PDB file of N, CA and C in Angstrom:
ATOM      1  N   MET A   1      30.812 128.966 136.500  1.00  0.00           N
ATOM      2  CA  MET A   1      30.591 128.802 137.968  1.00  0.00           C
ATOM      3  C   MET A   1      30.149 130.140 138.576  1.00  0.00           C
ATOM      4  N   LYS A   2      29.056 130.112 139.268  1.00  0.00           N
ATOM      5  CA  LYS A   2      28.540 131.432 139.750  1.00  0.00           C
ATOM      6  C   LYS A   2      28.945 131.561 141.216  1.00  0.00           C
ATOM      7  N   LYS A   3      29.471 132.649 141.493  1.00  0.00           N
ATOM      8  CA  LYS A   3      29.864 133.051 142.898  1.00  0.00           C
ATOM      9  C   LYS A   3      29.202 134.292 143.244  1.00  0.00           C
ATOM     10  N   ASN A   4      28.721 134.303 144.594  1.00  0.00           N
ATOM     11  CA  ASN A   4      28.131 135.505 145.080  1.00  0.00           C
ATOM     12  C   ASN A   4      29.209 136.578 145.145  1.00  0.00           C
ATOM     13  N   GLN A   5      28.884 137.825 144.860  1.00  0.00           N
ATOM     14  CA  GLN A   5      29.836 138.914 144.904  1.00  0.00           C
ATOM     15  C   GLN A   5      29.722 139.720 146.028  1.00  0.00           C
ATOM     16  N   HIS A   6      30.735 140.071 146.676  1.00  0.00           N
ATOM     17  CA  HIS A   6      30.755 140.723 148.179  1.00  0.00           C
ATOM     18  C   HIS A   6      31.399 142.034 147.818  1.00  0.00           C
ATOM     19  N   VAL A   7      30.678 143.263 148.312  1.00  0.00           N
ATOM     20  CA  VAL A   7      31.345 144.430 148.434  1.00  0.00           C
ATOM     21  C   VAL A   7      31.849 144.747 149.763  1.00  0.00           C
ATOM     22  N   VAL A   8      33.213 144.800 149.928  1.00  0.00           N
ATOM     23  CA  VAL A   8      33.867 144.932 151.217  1.00  0.00           C
ATOM     24  C   VAL A   8      34.862 146.153 151.262  1.00  0.00           C
ATOM     25  N   ASN A   9      35.103 146.671 152.506  1.00  0.00           N
ATOM     26  CA  ASN A   9      35.970 147.642 152.832  1.00  0.00           C
ATOM     27  C   ASN A   9      37.308 147.099 152.458  1.00  0.00           C
ATOM     28  N   HIS A  10      38.176 148.132 151.908  1.00  0.00           N
ATOM     29  CA  HIS A  10      39.472 147.784 151.357  1.00  0.00           C
ATOM     30  C   HIS A  10      40.333 148.932 151.741  1.00  0.00           C
ATOM     31  N   PRO A  11      41.703 148.628 151.981  1.00  0.00           N
ATOM     32  CA  PRO A  11      42.631 149.721 152.307  1.00  0.00           C
ATOM     33  C   PRO A  11      42.555 150.920 151.421  1.00  0.00           C
ATOM     34  N   LYS A  12      42.325 150.605 150.063  1.00  0.00           N
ATOM     35  CA  LYS A  12      42.410 151.763 149.049  1.00  0.00           C
ATOM     36  C   LYS A  12      40.952 152.076 148.716  1.00  0.00           C
ATOM     37  N   GLY A  13      39.921 151.845 149.416  1.00  0.00           N
ATOM     38  CA  GLY A  13      38.518 152.264 149.305  1.00  0.00           C
ATOM     39  C   GLY A  13      37.607 151.085 149.439  1.00  0.00           C
ATOM     40  N   TRP A  14      37.084 150.532 148.378  1.00  0.00           N
ATOM     41  CA  TRP A  14      35.895 149.555 148.495  1.00  0.00           C
ATOM     42  C   TRP A  14      36.201 148.411 147.384  1.00  0.00           C
ATOM     43  N   ALA A  15      36.053 147.161 147.734  1.00  0.00           N
ATOM     44  CA  ALA A  15      36.444 146.227 146.703  1.00  0.00           C
ATOM     45  C   ALA A  15      35.322 145.271 146.482  1.00  0.00           C
ATOM     46  N   VAL A  16      35.359 144.675 145.224  1.00  0.00           N
ATOM     47  CA  VAL A  16      34.368 143.633 144.969  1.00  0.00           C
ATOM     48  C   VAL A  16      35.120 142.265 144.855  1.00  0.00           C
ATOM     49  N   LYS A  17      34.623 141.294 145.630  1.00  0.00           N
ATOM     50  CA  LYS A  17      35.238 140.033 145.742  1.00  0.00           C
ATOM     51  C   LYS A  17      34.397 138.977 145.499  1.00  0.00           C
ATOM     52  N   GLY A  18      34.686 137.895 144.684  1.00  0.00           N
ATOM     53  CA  GLY A  18      33.931 136.682 144.403  1.00  0.00           C
ATOM     54  C   GLY A  18      33.880 135.823 145.718  1.00  0.00           C
ATOM     55  N   ALA A  19      32.939 135.218 146.137  1.00  0.00           N
ATOM     56  CA  ALA A  19      32.944 134.390 147.465  1.00  0.00           C
ATOM     57  C   ALA A  19      33.963 133.505 147.381  1.00  0.00           C
ATOM     58  N   GLY A  20      34.953 133.384 148.356  1.00  0.00           N
ATOM     59  CA  GLY A  20      36.058 132.503 148.595  1.00  0.00           C
ATOM     60  C   GLY A  20      37.251 132.937 147.924  1.00  0.00           C
ATOM     61  N   ASN A  21      37.321 133.906 147.173  1.00  0.00           N
ATOM     62  CA  ASN A  21      38.348 134.529 146.576  1.00  0.00           C
ATOM     63  C   ASN A  21      39.228 135.462 147.597  1.00  0.00           C
ATOM     64  N   GLN A  22      40.549 135.318 147.517  1.00  0.00           N
ATOM     65  CA  GLN A  22      41.365 136.153 148.496  1.00  0.00           C
ATOM     66  C   GLN A  22      41.687 137.559 147.745  1.00  0.00           C
ATOM     67  N   LYS A  23      41.685 137.454 146.335  1.00  0.00           N
ATOM     68  CA  LYS A  23      42.050 138.623 145.661  1.00  0.00           C
ATOM     69  C   LYS A  23      40.792 139.355 145.198  1.00  0.00           C
ATOM     70  N   ALA A  24      40.750 140.752 145.266  1.00  0.00           N
ATOM     71  CA  ALA A  24      39.548 141.449 144.683  1.00  0.00           C
ATOM     72  C   ALA A  24      39.493 141.553 143.244  1.00  0.00           C
ATOM     73  N   THR A  25      38.236 141.331 142.778  1.00  0.00           N
ATOM     74  CA  THR A  25      38.000 141.485 141.401  1.00  0.00           C
ATOM     75  C   THR A  25      38.310 142.875 140.772  1.00  0.00           C
ATOM     76  N   VAL A  26      37.840 143.782 141.720  1.00  0.00           N
ATOM     77  CA  VAL A  26      38.036 145.380 141.404  1.00  0.00           C
ATOM     78  C   VAL A  26      38.137 146.057 142.662  1.00  0.00           C
ATOM     79  N   VAL A  27      38.855 147.124 142.603  1.00  0.00           N
ATOM     80  CA  VAL A  27      38.882 148.094 143.831  1.00  0.00           C
ATOM     81  C   VAL A  27      38.468 149.492 143.327  1.00  0.00           C
ATOM     82  N   THR A  28      37.565 150.128 144.101  1.00  0.00           N
ATOM     83  CA  THR A  28      37.056 151.515 143.658  1.00  0.00           C
ATOM     84  C   THR A  28      37.303 152.401 144.771  1.00  0.00           C
ATOM     85  N   THR A  29      37.143 153.671 144.490  1.00  0.00           N
ATOM     86  CA  THR A  29      37.395 154.666 145.579  1.00  0.00           C
ATOM     87  C   THR A  29      36.076 154.921 146.366  1.00  0.00           C
ATOM     88  N   THR A  30      34.858 154.458 145.875  1.00  0.00           N
ATOM     89  CA  THR A  30      33.640 154.627 146.650  1.00  0.00           C
ATOM     90  C   THR A  30      32.967 153.378 146.818  1.00  0.00           C
ATOM     91  N   GLN A  31      32.026 153.286 147.870  1.00  0.00           N
ATOM     92  CA  GLN A  31      31.274 152.009 148.089  1.00  0.00           C
ATOM     93  C   GLN A  31      30.286 151.952 146.854  1.00  0.00           C
ATOM     94  N   GLN A  32      29.630 153.082 146.628  1.00  0.00           N
ATOM     95  CA  GLN A  32      28.688 153.165 145.477  1.00  0.00           C
ATOM     96  C   GLN A  32      29.148 152.577 144.038  1.00  0.00           C
ATOM     97  N   LYS A  33      30.473 153.022 143.715  1.00  0.00           N
ATOM     98  CA  LYS A  33      31.044 152.526 142.598  1.00  0.00           C
ATOM     99  C   LYS A  33      31.265 150.921 142.674  1.00  0.00           C
ATOM    100  N   ALA A  34      31.563 150.375 143.800  1.00  0.00           N
ATOM    101  CA  ALA A  34      31.885 148.820 143.971  1.00  0.00           C
ATOM    102  C   ALA A  34      30.432 148.158 143.986  1.00  0.00           C
ATOM    103  N   ILE A  35      29.402 148.948 144.584  1.00  0.00           N
ATOM    104  CA  ILE A  35      28.044 148.192 144.393  1.00  0.00           C
ATOM    105  C   ILE A  35      27.720 148.183 142.948  1.00  0.00           C
ATOM    106  N   GLU A  36      27.706 149.180 142.207  1.00  0.00           N
ATOM    107  CA  GLU A  36      27.431 149.261 140.816  1.00  0.00           C
ATOM    108  C   GLU A  36      28.132 148.004 140.062  1.00  0.00           C
ATOM    109  N   THR A  37      29.400 148.058 140.218  1.00  0.00           N
ATOM    110  CA  THR A  37      30.291 146.874 139.520  1.00  0.00           C
ATOM    111  C   THR A  37      29.802 145.528 139.991  1.00  0.00           C
ATOM    112  N   GLY A  38      29.773 145.498 141.326  1.00  0.00           N
ATOM    113  CA  GLY A  38      29.376 144.072 141.785  1.00  0.00           C
ATOM    114  C   GLY A  38      27.925 143.669 141.351  1.00  0.00           C
ATOM    115  N   ARG A  39      27.058 144.653 141.201  1.00  0.00           N
ATOM    116  CA  ARG A  39      25.730 144.250 140.760  1.00  0.00           C
ATOM    117  C   ARG A  39      25.837 143.740 139.336  1.00  0.00           C
ATOM    118  N   ARG A  40      26.647 144.547 138.465  1.00  0.00           N
ATOM    119  CA  ARG A  40      26.643 143.981 137.020  1.00  0.00           C
ATOM    120  C   ARG A  40      27.250 142.651 136.939  1.00  0.00           C
ATOM    121  N   ILE A  41      28.245 142.304 137.873  1.00  0.00           N
ATOM    122  CA  ILE A  41      28.783 140.966 137.829  1.00  0.00           C
ATOM    123  C   ILE A  41      27.714 140.001 138.340  1.00  0.00           C
ATOM    124  N   ALA A  42      26.977 140.306 139.400  1.00  0.00           N
ATOM    125  CA  ALA A  42      26.046 139.366 140.007  1.00  0.00           C
ATOM    126  C   ALA A  42      24.928 139.086 138.968  1.00  0.00           C
ATOM    127  N   ILE A  43      24.529 140.144 138.339  1.00  0.00           N
ATOM    128  CA  ILE A  43      23.398 139.922 137.364  1.00  0.00           C
ATOM    129  C   ILE A  43      24.002 139.021 136.059  1.00  0.00           C
ATOM    130  N   ASN A  44      25.195 139.304 135.691  1.00  0.00           N
ATOM    131  CA  ASN A  44      25.729 138.373 134.587  1.00  0.00           C
ATOM    132  C   ASN A  44      25.891 136.914 134.982  1.00  0.00           C
ATOM    133  N   GLN A  45      26.322 136.733 136.215  1.00  0.00           N
ATOM    134  CA  GLN A  45      26.564 135.424 136.822  1.00  0.00           C
ATOM    135  C   GLN A  45      25.245 134.771 137.457  1.00  0.00           C
ATOM    136  N   LYS A  46      24.154 135.627 137.455  1.00  0.00           N
ATOM    137  CA  LYS A  46      22.884 135.027 138.153  1.00  0.00           C
ATOM    138  C   LYS A  46      23.212 134.605 139.611  1.00  0.00           C
ATOM    139  N   SER A  47      24.014 135.454 140.280  1.00  0.00           N
ATOM    140  CA  SER A  47      24.312 135.216 141.637  1.00  0.00           C
ATOM    141  C   SER A  47      23.764 136.254 142.683  1.00  0.00           C
ATOM    142  N   GLU A  48      24.382 136.337 143.863  1.00  0.00           N
ATOM    143  CA  GLU A  48      23.798 137.295 144.858  1.00  0.00           C
ATOM    144  C   GLU A  48      24.775 138.360 144.995  1.00  0.00           C
ATOM    145  N   LEU A  49      24.404 139.577 145.205  1.00  0.00           N
ATOM    146  CA  LEU A  49      25.272 140.678 145.660  1.00  0.00           C
ATOM    147  C   LEU A  49      25.100 140.957 147.077  1.00  0.00           C
ATOM    148  N   VAL A  50      26.312 140.716 147.962  1.00  0.00           N
ATOM    149  CA  VAL A  50      26.292 140.986 149.305  1.00  0.00           C
ATOM    150  C   VAL A  50      26.961 142.276 149.749  1.00  0.00           C
ATOM    151  N   ILE A  51      26.446 143.181 150.323  1.00  0.00           N
ATOM    152  CA  ILE A  51      27.063 144.576 150.516  1.00  0.00           C
ATOM    153  C   ILE A  51      27.394 144.522 151.980  1.00  0.00           C
ATOM    154  N   HIS A  52      28.659 144.758 152.450  1.00  0.00           N
ATOM    155  CA  HIS A  52      29.093 144.694 153.860  1.00  0.00           C
ATOM    156  C   HIS A  52      29.327 146.210 154.188  1.00  0.00           C
ATOM    157  N   GLY A  53      29.101 146.667 155.376  1.00  0.00           N
ATOM    158  CA  GLY A  53      29.460 147.964 155.866  1.00  0.00           C
ATOM    159  C   GLY A  53      30.903 148.045 156.306  1.00  0.00           C
ATOM    160  N   ARG A  54      31.420 149.216 156.691  1.00  0.00           N
ATOM    161  CA  ARG A  54      32.707 149.384 157.041  1.00  0.00           C
ATOM    162  C   ARG A  54      33.237 148.476 158.171  1.00  0.00           C
ATOM    163  N   ASN A  55      32.242 148.075 159.079  1.00  0.00           N
ATOM    164  CA  ASN A  55      32.549 147.195 160.174  1.00  0.00           C
ATOM    165  C   ASN A  55      32.500 145.666 159.750  1.00  0.00           C
ATOM    166  N   GLY A  56      32.332 145.454 158.445  1.00  0.00           N
ATOM    167  CA  GLY A  56      32.410 144.050 157.917  1.00  0.00           C
ATOM    168  C   GLY A  56      31.153 143.226 158.037  1.00  0.00           C
ATOM    169  N   LYS A  57      30.107 143.821 158.783  1.00  0.00           N
ATOM    170  CA  LYS A  57      28.836 143.145 158.788  1.00  0.00           C
ATOM    171  C   LYS A  57      27.952 143.429 157.511  1.00  0.00           C
ATOM    172  N   ILE A  58      27.253 142.357 157.199  1.00  0.00           N
ATOM    173  CA  ILE A  58      26.311 142.361 156.045  1.00  0.00           C
ATOM    174  C   ILE A  58      25.253 143.415 156.192  1.00  0.00           C
ATOM    175  N   ARG A  59      25.362 144.377 155.396  1.00  0.00           N
ATOM    176  CA  ARG A  59      24.300 145.503 155.404  1.00  0.00           C
ATOM    177  C   ARG A  59      23.087 145.254 154.512  1.00  0.00           C
ATOM    178  N   ASP A  60      23.291 144.666 153.278  1.00  0.00           N
ATOM    179  CA  ASP A  60      22.213 144.426 152.492  1.00  0.00           C
ATOM    180  C   ASP A  60      22.584 143.194 151.418  1.00  0.00           C
ATOM    181  N   LYS A  61      21.519 142.667 150.861  1.00  0.00           N
ATOM    182  CA  LYS A  61      21.777 141.644 149.855  1.00  0.00           C
ATOM    183  C   LYS A  61      20.764 141.728 148.680  1.00  0.00           C
ATOM    184  N   ASP A  62      21.188 141.461 147.611  1.00  0.00           N
ATOM    185  CA  ASP A  62      20.270 141.457 146.408  1.00  0.00           C
ATOM    186  C   ASP A  62      20.544 140.092 145.604  1.00  0.00           C
ATOM    187  N   SER A  63      19.599 139.444 145.316  1.00  0.00           N
ATOM    188  CA  SER A  63      19.729 138.261 144.420  1.00  0.00           C
ATOM    189  C   SER A  63      19.316 138.465 143.071  1.00  0.00           C
ATOM    190  N   TYR A  64      20.107 137.997 142.115  1.00  0.00           N
ATOM    191  CA  TYR A  64      19.880 138.073 140.708  1.00  0.00           C
ATOM    192  C   TYR A  64      19.844 136.710 140.060  1.00  0.00           C
ATOM    193  N   GLY A  65      19.608 135.595 140.782  1.00  0.00           N
ATOM    194  CA  GLY A  65      19.713 134.378 140.368  1.00  0.00           C
ATOM    195  C   GLY A  65      18.273 133.811 140.247  1.00  0.00           C
ATOM    196  N   HIS A  66      18.077 132.534 140.125  1.00  0.00           N
ATOM    197  CA  HIS A  66      16.829 131.783 140.085  1.00  0.00           C
ATOM    198  C   HIS A  66      16.553 131.353 141.560  1.00  0.00           C
ATOM    199  N   ASP A  67      15.872 132.171 142.267  1.00  0.00           N
ATOM    200  CA  ASP A  67      15.550 131.840 143.596  1.00  0.00           C
ATOM    201  C   ASP A  67      14.612 130.554 143.600  1.00  0.00           C
ATOM    202  N   PRO A  68      15.208 129.506 144.324  1.00  0.00           N
ATOM    203  CA  PRO A  68      14.402 128.260 144.350  1.00  0.00           C
ATOM    204  C   PRO A  68      13.020 128.526 145.316  1.00  0.00           C
ATOM    205  N   PHE A  69      13.054 129.575 146.048  1.00  0.00           N
ATOM    206  CA  PHE A  69      11.912 129.867 147.082  1.00  0.00           C
ATOM    207  C   PHE A  69      11.440 131.304 146.929  1.00  0.00           C
ATOM    208  N   PRO A  70      10.889 131.547 145.752  1.00  0.00           N
ATOM    209  CA  PRO A  70      10.378 132.840 145.530  1.00  0.00           C
ATOM    210  C   PRO A  70       9.323 133.285 146.491  1.00  0.00           C
ATOM    211  N   PRO A  71       9.159 134.458 146.766  1.00  0.00           N
ATOM    212  CA  PRO A  71       8.152 134.979 147.729  1.00  0.00           C
ATOM    213  C   PRO A  71       6.848 134.736 147.265  1.00  0.00           C
ATOM    214  N   ARG A  72       5.824 134.255 148.174  1.00  0.00           N
ATOM    215  CA  ARG A  72       4.541 134.103 147.793  1.00  0.00           C
ATOM    216  C   ARG A  72       3.752 135.490 147.561  1.00  0.00           C
ATOM    217  N   ASP A  73       2.786 135.447 146.644  1.00  0.00           N
ATOM    218  CA  ASP A  73       1.988 136.507 146.596  1.00  0.00           C
ATOM    219  C   ASP A  73       0.987 136.800 147.778  1.00  0.00           C
ATOM    220  N   LYS A  74       0.955 137.821 148.260  1.00  0.00           N
ATOM    221  CA  LYS A  74       0.155 138.300 149.432  1.00  0.00           C
ATOM    222  C   LYS A  74      -1.265 138.393 148.835  1.00  0.00           C
ATOM    223  N   LYS A  75      -2.152 137.706 149.658  1.00  0.00           N
ATOM    224  CA  LYS A  75      -3.558 137.928 149.360  1.00  0.00           C
ATOM    225  C   LYS A  75      -4.158 138.859 150.352  1.00  0.00           C
ATOM    226  N   HIS A  76      -4.845 139.906 149.913  1.00  0.00           N
ATOM    227  CA  HIS A  76      -5.434 140.988 150.864  1.00  0.00           C
ATOM    228  C   HIS A  76      -6.850 140.575 151.055  1.00  0.00           C
TER     229      HIS A  76
END
């Protein structure tokens, strides 16, 4: 089952959590380490990485799955 991976602020630093999970998959000291770990998991599961800022708002997203609506080629 593929779950989007969320990088979120955590009392001990930063955490990677699967969507809907209460418990963190991993806790790191820096956001960058959490992003790297979350990215590896998302690539492996062909899911999305959702990066949250300290305020909890979504800062960025990266998709590693099979996007049903890929971007169209721009014609110049």
